[in-house]
């Protein structure tokens, strides 16, 4: 349980920044979807309340307990991931969701948290200057199993995020030449297998049209072209809230999810985009600075992997909307619509709060 002393060390600034980014997302979600059935903005607001509640439940448990039982949580996640292939609901071409009585949940999102806990346990137990082959093989195997299951669904965007988590752990642990060669070989092998056996035709077309979207302006290239038009038409000050032509007239696909950054650019212009980026960078900077506040190696690994996960998703989504990265289906954390995504990212921040508020315990 949380003591009064520990409450004094809660990073309220980080919570405030999380809420600000989420509220920005809700406002833009409303603008881009208020004319659609579904009431997405209200649902996102309710998920924000649920996520904040989940954070305060999470911080009531010492994170070391979660790390200790991460192997069991990992097995549960694999069972849930496997069940989606059989019982999952097909949404946007992927069987990633399990329907419960009052809502749907995406196990592949929650798996991110469990992988962070599992890898922090694996790497924190090793105190050498660089990781050994056994640790490299163990970590690669632990990530590859859920990666393959999620890729089969298929949800390549979420599966790719698992690689970012692993990369964060490996980068922090240090890596020798043998391990580096091992990872490069694994990347080449999985790249070859993924391209030839796991990627769908439309996913391969996304990569092919990445550099030349104009070759298929009404097909695969349509998303990127409309996104560039939306952002470019915003100019310096934007067209105004609820006044974006590409989004309001429904030319821009996935405007409240993957391409929500395009709506920000169209309606608020360069100034609005700059302000959103500043707020987000302050949020990420506070997370990265938190790495030095952990009391043990497991805490350091957890915070760093969370920082790498959130920043990589943010960077790829922004680059995707301006045509500098292939469309991968990675949402903008805390801003794009998605209850499971918001809950997972909030729990990731909750782990950071958990670690920081216990940094003076038993010292």
Foldseek 3Di string as FASTA:
>chain_A
DDDPLLVVQFPVVLVVLLVVLLVLLLLLLCLLDVVDPDNQSVVSVVLLVVLVVVLVVLLVDQVVVCLVCLVVVLVVLLVVLVVLVPQADQDPNFSQWDDDPPGIAGSLLLNLLSLLSPLLSLLQVDDDQADDPVSLVVNCVSLVSSLVSCLQSPQNQSSVLSVLLSVLSRVVRDHDPVSVVVVVVVCVVCVVCCVPPRDDPLQVVLVVCLVPLVVCCPPSSVQQVLLQCLLVQLAAAAPARSGRCCSVVVSHPLCQWLSVLSSQNHHGNPVSNVVSVVSVVVSLVVLVVLLVLFQGSSLNSLSSSLSSSLVVLQVQSVCCSNSNHGDRRRTNQSNHRDSNRVSSNSVSVSSSSSRNSCNPPPD
